C-alpha atoms as a PDB file:
ATOM      1  CA  MET A   1     -35.575 -25.661  11.580  1.00  0.00           C
ATOM      2  CA  LYS A   2     -32.502 -23.650  10.765  1.00  0.00           C
ATOM      3  CA  LYS A   3     -33.278 -19.900  10.591  1.00  0.00           C
ATOM      4  CA  ILE A   4     -32.546 -18.319   7.198  1.00  0.00           C
ATOM      5  CA  GLU A   5     -31.180 -14.826   7.117  1.00  0.00           C
ATOM      6  CA  THR A   6     -31.403 -11.857   4.694  1.00  0.00           C
ATOM      7  CA  ILE A   7     -29.476  -8.696   4.658  1.00  0.00           C
ATOM      8  CA  PRO A   8     -30.672  -5.659   6.609  1.00  0.00           C
ATOM      9  CA  SER A   9     -33.192  -3.690   4.445  1.00  0.00           C
ATOM     10  CA  SER A  10     -31.215  -0.520   5.199  1.00  0.00           C
ATOM     11  CA  PHE A  11     -27.995  -1.856   3.643  1.00  0.00           C
ATOM     12  CA  SER A  12     -26.671   0.041   0.746  1.00  0.00           C
ATOM     13  CA  ALA A  13     -22.955  -0.736  -0.350  1.00  0.00           C
ATOM     14  CA  LYS A  14     -20.548   2.236  -0.339  1.00  0.00           C
ATOM     15  CA  ASN A  15     -18.552   2.723  -3.424  1.00  0.00           C
ATOM     16  CA  ASN A  16     -15.271   1.828  -1.717  1.00  0.00           C
ATOM     17  CA  CYS A  17     -16.636  -0.459   0.895  1.00  0.00           C
ATOM     18  CA  LEU A  18     -13.930  -3.139  -0.185  1.00  0.00           C
ATOM     19  CA  LYS A  19     -10.987  -0.893  -0.615  1.00  0.00           C
ATOM     20  CA  ASP A  20      -7.563  -2.317   0.087  1.00  0.00           C
ATOM     21  CA  LYS A  21      -9.152  -5.923   0.467  1.00  0.00           C
ATOM     22  CA  PHE A  22      -7.607  -8.845  -1.272  1.00  0.00           C
ATOM     23  CA  ILE A  23     -10.481 -11.208  -2.148  1.00  0.00           C
ATOM     24  CA  LEU A  24     -10.265 -14.667  -3.822  1.00  0.00           C
ATOM     25  CA  VAL A  25     -13.201 -15.806  -6.043  1.00  0.00           C
ATOM     26  CA  THR A  26     -13.610 -19.436  -7.241  1.00  0.00           C
ATOM     27  CA  GLY A  27     -15.451 -20.150 -10.494  1.00  0.00           C
ATOM     28  CA  ALA A  28     -14.640 -16.470 -11.281  1.00  0.00           C
ATOM     29  CA  GLY A  29     -14.825 -16.871 -15.062  1.00  0.00           C
ATOM     30  CA  ASP A  30     -18.606 -17.291 -15.409  1.00  0.00           C
ATOM     31  CA  GLY A  31     -22.031 -16.828 -13.955  1.00  0.00           C
ATOM     32  CA  ILE A  32     -22.320 -15.630 -10.352  1.00  0.00           C
ATOM     33  CA  GLY A  33     -18.494 -15.792  -9.855  1.00  0.00           C
ATOM     34  CA  ARG A  34     -17.796 -13.525 -12.733  1.00  0.00           C
ATOM     35  CA  VAL A  35     -20.323 -11.089 -11.581  1.00  0.00           C
ATOM     36  CA  ALA A  36     -19.072 -11.205  -8.012  1.00  0.00           C
ATOM     37  CA  ALA A  37     -15.511 -10.587  -9.096  1.00  0.00           C
ATOM     38  CA  LEU A  38     -16.451  -7.617 -11.236  1.00  0.00           C
ATOM     39  CA  THR A  39     -18.536  -6.271  -8.454  1.00  0.00           C
ATOM     40  CA  PHE A  40     -15.949  -6.770  -5.732  1.00  0.00           C
ATOM     41  CA  ALA A  41     -13.407  -4.914  -7.981  1.00  0.00           C
ATOM     42  CA  SER A  42     -15.911  -2.122  -8.653  1.00  0.00           C
ATOM     43  CA  HIS A  43     -16.096  -1.448  -4.989  1.00  0.00           C
ATOM     44  CA  GLY A  44     -12.239  -1.303  -4.415  1.00  0.00           C
ATOM     45  CA  ALA A  45     -11.054  -4.873  -3.885  1.00  0.00           C
ATOM     46  CA  THR A  46      -7.984  -6.558  -5.381  1.00  0.00           C
ATOM     47  CA  VAL A  47      -9.606  -9.694  -6.819  1.00  0.00           C
ATOM     48  CA  LEU A  48      -7.855 -12.966  -7.165  1.00  0.00           C
ATOM     49  CA  LEU A  49      -9.467 -14.858 -10.064  1.00  0.00           C
ATOM     50  CA  LEU A  50      -9.551 -18.768  -9.662  1.00  0.00           C
ATOM     51  CA  GLY A  51     -11.042 -20.999 -12.242  1.00  0.00           C
ATOM     52  CA  LYS A  52     -10.299 -23.891 -14.652  1.00  0.00           C
ATOM     53  CA  THR A  53     -10.614 -22.083 -18.018  1.00  0.00           C
ATOM     54  CA  GLU A  54      -8.077 -19.572 -18.584  1.00  0.00           C
ATOM     55  CA  SER A  55      -9.726 -17.889 -21.431  1.00  0.00           C
ATOM     56  CA  LYS A  56     -12.806 -16.941 -19.187  1.00  0.00           C
ATOM     57  CA  LEU A  57     -10.571 -15.650 -16.381  1.00  0.00           C
ATOM     58  CA  ASN A  58      -8.641 -13.486 -18.867  1.00  0.00           C
ATOM     59  CA  ALA A  59     -11.872 -12.034 -20.169  1.00  0.00           C
ATOM     60  CA  VAL A  60     -12.773 -10.960 -16.546  1.00  0.00           C
ATOM     61  CA  TYR A  61      -9.155  -9.750 -15.977  1.00  0.00           C
ATOM     62  CA  ASP A  62      -9.560  -7.617 -19.124  1.00  0.00           C
ATOM     63  CA  GLU A  63     -12.749  -6.070 -18.098  1.00  0.00           C
ATOM     64  CA  ILE A  64     -11.420  -5.138 -14.712  1.00  0.00           C
ATOM     65  CA  GLU A  65      -8.325  -3.609 -16.410  1.00  0.00           C
ATOM     66  CA  LYS A  66     -10.506  -1.732 -18.871  1.00  0.00           C
ATOM     67  CA  ASN A  67     -12.643  -0.197 -15.979  1.00  0.00           C
ATOM     68  CA  GLN A  68      -9.241   0.887 -14.401  1.00  0.00           C
ATOM     69  CA  TRP A  69     -10.078  -0.955 -10.987  1.00  0.00           C
ATOM     70  CA  SER A  70      -7.319  -2.584  -8.795  1.00  0.00           C
ATOM     71  CA  GLN A  71      -5.209  -4.906 -10.880  1.00  0.00           C
ATOM     72  CA  PRO A  72      -6.549  -8.428 -10.389  1.00  0.00           C
ATOM     73  CA  ALA A  73      -4.453 -11.609 -10.231  1.00  0.00           C
ATOM     74  CA  LEU A  74      -5.097 -14.927 -12.243  1.00  0.00           C
ATOM     75  CA  LEU A  75      -5.003 -18.304 -10.584  1.00  0.00           C
ATOM     76  CA  PRO A  76      -5.828 -20.943 -13.030  1.00  0.00           C
ATOM     77  CA  PHE A  77      -6.657 -24.061 -11.258  1.00  0.00           C
ATOM     78  CA  ASP A  78      -8.724 -27.172 -11.705  1.00  0.00           C
ATOM     79  CA  LEU A  79     -10.774 -27.898  -8.445  1.00  0.00           C
ATOM     80  CA  ASN A  80     -11.181 -31.414  -9.372  1.00  0.00           C
ATOM     81  CA  SER A  81      -7.618 -31.958  -7.931  1.00  0.00           C
ATOM     82  CA  SER A  82      -7.762 -33.702  -4.642  1.00  0.00           C
ATOM     83  CA  ASP A  83      -4.139 -33.277  -3.811  1.00  0.00           C
ATOM     84  CA  PRO A  84      -3.633 -31.120  -0.718  1.00  0.00           C
ATOM     85  CA  GLU A  85      -0.120 -29.976  -1.971  1.00  0.00           C
ATOM     86  CA  GLN A  86      -1.688 -28.205  -4.915  1.00  0.00           C
ATOM     87  CA  TYR A  87      -3.791 -26.050  -2.747  1.00  0.00           C
ATOM     88  CA  LYS A  88      -0.832 -25.246  -0.674  1.00  0.00           C
ATOM     89  CA  ILE A  89       0.881 -23.911  -3.617  1.00  0.00           C
ATOM     90  CA  ILE A  90      -1.928 -21.567  -4.280  1.00  0.00           C
ATOM     91  CA  SER A  91      -1.545 -20.256  -0.546  1.00  0.00           C
ATOM     92  CA  LYS A  92       2.152 -19.846  -1.111  1.00  0.00           C
ATOM     93  CA  VAL A  93       1.676 -17.806  -4.427  1.00  0.00           C
ATOM     94  CA  ILE A  94      -0.936 -15.687  -2.531  1.00  0.00           C
ATOM     95  CA  ALA A  95       1.393 -15.260   0.486  1.00  0.00           C
ATOM     96  CA  GLU A  96       4.537 -14.202  -1.774  1.00  0.00           C
ATOM     97  CA  ASN A  97       2.431 -11.656  -3.735  1.00  0.00           C
ATOM     98  CA  PHE A  98      -0.121 -10.237  -1.299  1.00  0.00           C
ATOM     99  CA  GLY A  99       0.844 -11.233   2.147  1.00  0.00           C
ATOM    100  CA  ARG A 100      -2.741 -11.965   3.301  1.00  0.00           C
ATOM    101  CA  LEU A 101      -6.223 -12.638   2.316  1.00  0.00           C
ATOM    102  CA  ASP A 102      -9.334 -10.647   3.399  1.00  0.00           C
ATOM    103  CA  GLY A 103     -11.968 -12.609   1.664  1.00  0.00           C
ATOM    104  CA  LEU A 104     -12.777 -15.890   0.065  1.00  0.00           C
ATOM    105  CA  LEU A 105     -15.835 -16.593  -2.000  1.00  0.00           C
ATOM    106  CA  HIS A 106     -16.460 -20.418  -2.618  1.00  0.00           C
ATOM    107  CA  ASN A 107     -18.744 -20.007  -5.739  1.00  0.00           C
ATOM    108  CA  ALA A 108     -17.343 -22.908  -8.022  1.00  0.00           C
ATOM    109  CA  GLY A 109     -19.565 -25.776  -8.297  1.00  0.00           C
ATOM    110  CA  ILE A 110     -21.015 -28.338 -10.863  1.00  0.00           C
ATOM    111  CA  LEU A 111     -24.610 -29.679 -11.180  1.00  0.00           C
ATOM    112  CA  GLY A 112     -23.695 -33.475 -11.467  1.00  0.00           C
ATOM    113  CA  ASP A 113     -26.430 -35.884 -12.603  1.00  0.00           C
ATOM    114  CA  ARG A 114     -30.091 -35.323 -11.978  1.00  0.00           C
ATOM    115  CA  SER A 115     -30.866 -38.929 -11.250  1.00  0.00           C
ATOM    116  CA  SER A 116     -31.939 -41.341  -8.488  1.00  0.00           C
ATOM    117  CA  ILE A 117     -29.518 -42.429  -5.762  1.00  0.00           C
ATOM    118  CA  GLU A 118     -30.082 -45.991  -7.009  1.00  0.00           C
ATOM    119  CA  SER A 119     -28.761 -45.152 -10.531  1.00  0.00           C
ATOM    120  CA  TYR A 120     -26.234 -42.507  -9.849  1.00  0.00           C
ATOM    121  CA  LYS A 121     -22.982 -43.140 -11.505  1.00  0.00           C
ATOM    122  CA  PRO A 122     -20.253 -43.484  -8.901  1.00  0.00           C
ATOM    123  CA  LYS A 123     -17.594 -41.575 -10.833  1.00  0.00           C
ATOM    124  CA  ARG A 124     -19.960 -38.695 -11.383  1.00  0.00           C
ATOM    125  CA  TRP A 125     -20.892 -38.721  -7.652  1.00  0.00           C
ATOM    126  CA  MET A 126     -17.252 -38.577  -6.563  1.00  0.00           C
ATOM    127  CA  ASP A 127     -16.362 -35.761  -9.052  1.00  0.00           C
ATOM    128  CA  THR A 128     -19.505 -33.696  -7.923  1.00  0.00           C
ATOM    129  CA  LEU A 129     -18.475 -34.102  -4.147  1.00  0.00           C
ATOM    130  CA  GLN A 130     -14.898 -33.301  -4.886  1.00  0.00           C
ATOM    131  CA  ILE A 131     -15.678 -30.033  -6.623  1.00  0.00           C
ATOM    132  CA  ASN A 132     -18.633 -28.882  -4.509  1.00  0.00           C
ATOM    133  CA  LEU A 133     -17.345 -29.949  -1.102  1.00  0.00           C
ATOM    134  CA  ASN A 134     -13.872 -31.421  -0.845  1.00  0.00           C
ATOM    135  CA  ALA A 135     -12.196 -28.598  -2.727  1.00  0.00           C
ATOM    136  CA  PRO A 136     -13.842 -25.908  -0.812  1.00  0.00           C
ATOM    137  CA  PHE A 137     -12.478 -27.703   2.498  1.00  0.00           C
ATOM    138  CA  LEU A 138      -8.909 -28.159   1.014  1.00  0.00           C
ATOM    139  CA  LEU A 139      -8.831 -24.489  -0.198  1.00  0.00           C
ATOM    140  CA  THR A 140     -10.020 -23.193   2.904  1.00  0.00           C
ATOM    141  CA  GLN A 141      -7.806 -25.249   5.033  1.00  0.00           C
ATOM    142  CA  ALA A 142      -4.734 -23.966   2.856  1.00  0.00           C
ATOM    143  CA  LEU A 143      -5.810 -20.340   2.987  1.00  0.00           C
ATOM    144  CA  LEU A 144      -6.736 -20.134   6.783  1.00  0.00           C
ATOM    145  CA  PRO A 145      -3.220 -18.798   7.725  1.00  0.00           C
ATOM    146  CA  LEU A 146      -3.578 -16.036   5.220  1.00  0.00           C
ATOM    147  CA  LEU A 147      -7.175 -15.280   6.227  1.00  0.00           C
ATOM    148  CA  LYS A 148      -5.969 -14.945   9.855  1.00  0.00           C
ATOM    149  CA  LYS A 149      -3.760 -12.263   8.755  1.00  0.00           C
ATOM    150  CA  GLY A 150      -6.520 -10.283   6.994  1.00  0.00           C
ATOM    151  CA  GLY A 151      -8.156  -8.830  10.061  1.00  0.00           C
ATOM    152  CA  HIS A 152     -11.884  -9.232   9.771  1.00  0.00           C
ATOM    153  CA  ALA A 153     -11.762 -11.664   6.920  1.00  0.00           C
ATOM    154  CA  SER A 154     -14.863 -13.148   5.375  1.00  0.00           C
ATOM    155  CA  ILE A 155     -15.409 -16.729   4.085  1.00  0.00           C
ATOM    156  CA  ILE A 156     -18.564 -17.334   2.009  1.00  0.00           C
ATOM    157  CA  PHE A 157     -19.700 -20.569   0.978  1.00  0.00           C
ATOM    158  CA  THR A 158     -22.384 -21.295  -1.655  1.00  0.00           C
ATOM    159  CA  SER A 159     -25.390 -23.294  -0.603  1.00  0.00           C
ATOM    160  CA  SER A 160     -28.696 -24.165  -2.203  1.00  0.00           C
ATOM    161  CA  GLY A 161     -32.369 -24.600  -1.367  1.00  0.00           C
ATOM    162  CA  VAL A 162     -31.746 -28.351  -1.952  1.00  0.00           C
ATOM    163  CA  GLY A 163     -29.063 -28.270   0.703  1.00  0.00           C
ATOM    164  CA  ARG A 164     -31.483 -27.537   3.407  1.00  0.00           C
ATOM    165  CA  THR A 165     -34.397 -29.849   2.501  1.00  0.00           C
ATOM    166  CA  GLY A 166     -33.729 -33.075   0.604  1.00  0.00           C
ATOM    167  CA  ARG A 167     -35.374 -33.322  -2.886  1.00  0.00           C
ATOM    168  CA  ALA A 168     -35.456 -36.483  -4.952  1.00  0.00           C
ATOM    169  CA  TYR A 169     -33.112 -36.758  -7.943  1.00  0.00           C
ATOM    170  CA  TRP A 170     -30.733 -33.928  -6.775  1.00  0.00           C
ATOM    171  CA  GLY A 171     -28.142 -36.467  -6.005  1.00  0.00           C
ATOM    172  CA  ALA A 172     -24.596 -35.430  -5.168  1.00  0.00           C
ATOM    173  CA  TYR A 173     -25.313 -31.915  -5.832  1.00  0.00           C
ATOM    174  CA  GLY A 174     -28.040 -31.919  -3.053  1.00  0.00           C
ATOM    175  CA  VAL A 175     -25.838 -33.819  -0.743  1.00  0.00           C
ATOM    176  CA  SER A 176     -22.939 -31.699  -1.207  1.00  0.00           C
ATOM    177  CA  LYS A 177     -24.795 -28.501  -0.250  1.00  0.00           C
ATOM    178  CA  PHE A 178     -26.091 -30.051   2.885  1.00  0.00           C
ATOM    179  CA  ALA A 179     -22.421 -30.854   3.639  1.00  0.00           C
ATOM    180  CA  ILE A 180     -21.334 -27.237   2.797  1.00  0.00           C
ATOM    181  CA  GLU A 181     -23.941 -25.974   5.303  1.00  0.00           C
ATOM    182  CA  GLY A 182     -22.462 -28.189   8.081  1.00  0.00           C
ATOM    183  CA  LEU A 183     -18.877 -27.248   7.093  1.00  0.00           C
ATOM    184  CA  MET A 184     -19.856 -23.583   7.313  1.00  0.00           C
ATOM    185  CA  GLU A 185     -21.417 -23.954  10.699  1.00  0.00           C
ATOM    186  CA  THR A 186     -18.561 -26.131  12.046  1.00  0.00           C
ATOM    187  CA  LEU A 187     -15.882 -23.779  10.892  1.00  0.00           C
ATOM    188  CA  ALA A 188     -17.763 -20.779  12.091  1.00  0.00           C
ATOM    189  CA  ASP A 189     -17.898 -22.285  15.601  1.00  0.00           C
ATOM    190  CA  GLU A 190     -14.202 -23.154  15.578  1.00  0.00           C
ATOM    191  CA  LEU A 191     -13.059 -19.725  14.643  1.00  0.00           C
ATOM    192  CA  VAL A 192     -15.617 -17.436  16.466  1.00  0.00           C
ATOM    193  CA  ASP A 193     -13.734 -17.210  19.875  1.00  0.00           C
ATOM    194  CA  THR A 194     -10.136 -17.343  18.495  1.00  0.00           C
ATOM    195  CA  THR A 195     -10.090 -15.329  15.258  1.00  0.00           C
ATOM    196  CA  THR A 196     -12.000 -12.365  13.736  1.00  0.00           C
ATOM    197  CA  ILE A 197     -12.719 -14.477  10.589  1.00  0.00           C
ATOM    198  CA  ARG A 198     -16.474 -14.853   9.997  1.00  0.00           C
ATOM    199  CA  VAL A 199     -17.894 -17.783   7.967  1.00  0.00           C
ATOM    200  CA  ASN A 200     -21.386 -17.743   6.288  1.00  0.00           C
ATOM    201  CA  CYS A 201     -23.322 -19.185   3.544  1.00  0.00           C
ATOM    202  CA  ILE A 202     -25.409 -17.813   0.582  1.00  0.00           C
ATOM    203  CA  ASN A 203     -28.083 -19.572  -1.264  1.00  0.00           C
ATOM    204  CA  PRO A 204     -28.272 -17.607  -4.394  1.00  0.00           C
ATOM    205  CA  GLY A 205     -31.698 -18.925  -5.434  1.00  0.00           C
ATOM    206  CA  PRO A 206     -33.155 -19.319  -8.876  1.00  0.00           C
ATOM    207  CA  THR A 207     -30.780 -17.224 -10.943  1.00  0.00           C
ATOM    208  CA  ARG A 208     -30.178 -16.754 -14.576  1.00  0.00           C
ATOM    209  CA  THR A 209     -26.916 -19.061 -15.087  1.00  0.00           C
ATOM    210  CA  THR A 210     -25.700 -21.928 -17.112  1.00  0.00           C
ATOM    211  CA  MET A 211     -26.121 -24.319 -14.268  1.00  0.00           C
ATOM    212  CA  ARG A 212     -29.737 -23.333 -13.763  1.00  0.00           C
ATOM    213  CA  ALA A 213     -30.445 -23.885 -17.427  1.00  0.00           C
ATOM    214  CA  GLN A 214     -28.863 -27.302 -17.132  1.00  0.00           C
ATOM    215  CA  ALA A 215     -31.114 -28.125 -14.298  1.00  0.00           C
ATOM    216  CA  TYR A 216     -34.394 -26.734 -15.744  1.00  0.00           C
ATOM    217  CA  PRO A 217     -33.952 -26.655 -19.629  1.00  0.00           C
ATOM    218  CA  ALA A 218     -37.656 -25.799 -20.075  1.00  0.00           C
ATOM    219  CA  GLU A 219     -37.539 -22.690 -17.827  1.00  0.00           C
ATOM    220  CA  ASN A 220     -37.719 -19.334 -19.266  1.00  0.00           C
ATOM    221  CA  PRO A 221     -34.353 -17.499 -18.186  1.00  0.00           C
ATOM    222  CA  GLU A 222     -36.175 -14.153 -18.324  1.00  0.00           C
ATOM    223  CA  SER A 223     -38.270 -15.052 -15.344  1.00  0.00           C
ATOM    224  CA  LEU A 224     -35.062 -15.345 -13.149  1.00  0.00           C
ATOM    225  CA  LYS A 225     -33.178 -12.890 -11.435  1.00  0.00           C
ATOM    226  CA  THR A 226     -29.779 -11.919 -12.846  1.00  0.00           C
ATOM    227  CA  PRO A 227     -26.504 -12.569 -10.889  1.00  0.00           C
ATOM    228  CA  GLU A 228     -26.116  -8.750 -10.781  1.00  0.00           C
ATOM    229  CA  GLN A 229     -29.283  -8.570  -8.723  1.00  0.00           C
ATOM    230  CA  LEU A 230     -28.018 -10.894  -6.000  1.00  0.00           C
ATOM    231  CA  MET A 231     -24.879  -8.762  -5.418  1.00  0.00           C
ATOM    232  CA  PRO A 232     -26.105  -6.723  -2.342  1.00  0.00           C
ATOM    233  CA  THR A 233     -25.832  -9.912  -0.190  1.00  0.00           C
ATOM    234  CA  TYR A 234     -22.298 -10.700  -1.485  1.00  0.00           C
ATOM    235  CA  LEU A 235     -21.316  -7.347  -0.752  1.00  0.00           C
ATOM    236  CA  TYR A 236     -22.798  -7.124   2.606  1.00  0.00           C
ATOM    237  CA  LEU A 237     -21.091 -10.312   3.763  1.00  0.00           C
ATOM    238  CA  MET A 238     -17.675  -9.312   2.291  1.00  0.00           C
ATOM    239  CA  SER A 239     -17.735  -5.813   3.550  1.00  0.00           C
ATOM    240  CA  ASP A 240     -17.033  -4.750   7.184  1.00  0.00           C
ATOM    241  CA  GLU A 241     -20.837  -4.158   7.575  1.00  0.00           C
ATOM    242  CA  SER A 242     -20.982  -7.781   8.587  1.00  0.00           C
ATOM    243  CA  VAL A 243     -18.019  -8.021  10.831  1.00  0.00           C
ATOM    244  CA  LYS A 244     -20.048  -9.614  13.772  1.00  0.00           C
ATOM    245  CA  VAL A 245     -22.121 -11.882  11.587  1.00  0.00           C
ATOM    246  CA  THR A 246     -20.904 -15.503  11.497  1.00  0.00           C
ATOM    247  CA  GLY A 247     -22.455 -19.011  11.302  1.00  0.00           C
ATOM    248  CA  LYS A 248     -25.449 -17.923   9.384  1.00  0.00           C
ATOM    249  CA  SER A 249     -27.097 -19.094   6.065  1.00  0.00           C
ATOM    250  CA  PHE A 250     -28.387 -16.349   3.934  1.00  0.00           C
ATOM    251  CA  ASP A 251     -30.897 -16.150   1.063  1.00  0.00           C
ATOM    252  CA  ALA A 252     -29.801 -13.780  -1.589  1.00  0.00           C
ATOM    253  CA  GLN A 253     -33.496 -13.442  -2.878  1.00  0.00           C
ATOM    254  CA  LYS A 254     -36.182 -12.609  -0.498  1.00  0.00           C
END
């Protein structure tokens, strides 16, 4: 069985632990992605906000500006696109404006249907795998040249408990998270001896988000941890405290 990691109990993020780093966050307009973007900015990073809903990205942008943190960048983009050339355009824009990338958080995802494999709608299956798996692959592939320029760059994929042990009726979502774990391990092994890029997964666990409410509509959200409470794990893996850590799968909740 795979060993699941947690961050060192002694870890405490320094105020400027991400100073001068350029970090891209997908799904930055809402939920964990929004909080991660704000947290990274508050610790010194220049955050590149990628998401589908521009109004939500603008709200995060405005909050960062209001706090007088490093000016962020907006990257409106629909991850349901399967055209590799569209991802290369994102890489080109980042290269022209920043020259490198120091961090990449793959946070965006959709739940898909909670139904059996037998009755799963094929179109919904394809869309879920596109956003949860294919898009992270395409975006990572397009951005690797910039990450190689970033020194000790960090790539973080978002996993799930249902991506470690198969559970009925989690369908494409569960399958996509199994695949994300495999993508992370494969990429980490490919990069470990040839670059300083590290690649890891985070399982956020039960968290007070819209997706969690969709999956468990009868659950009391007050019983769940907030995205803010998970941020030490995100800061640890994105900061230089974890420069030698790669190919690992972390739980954000102990």
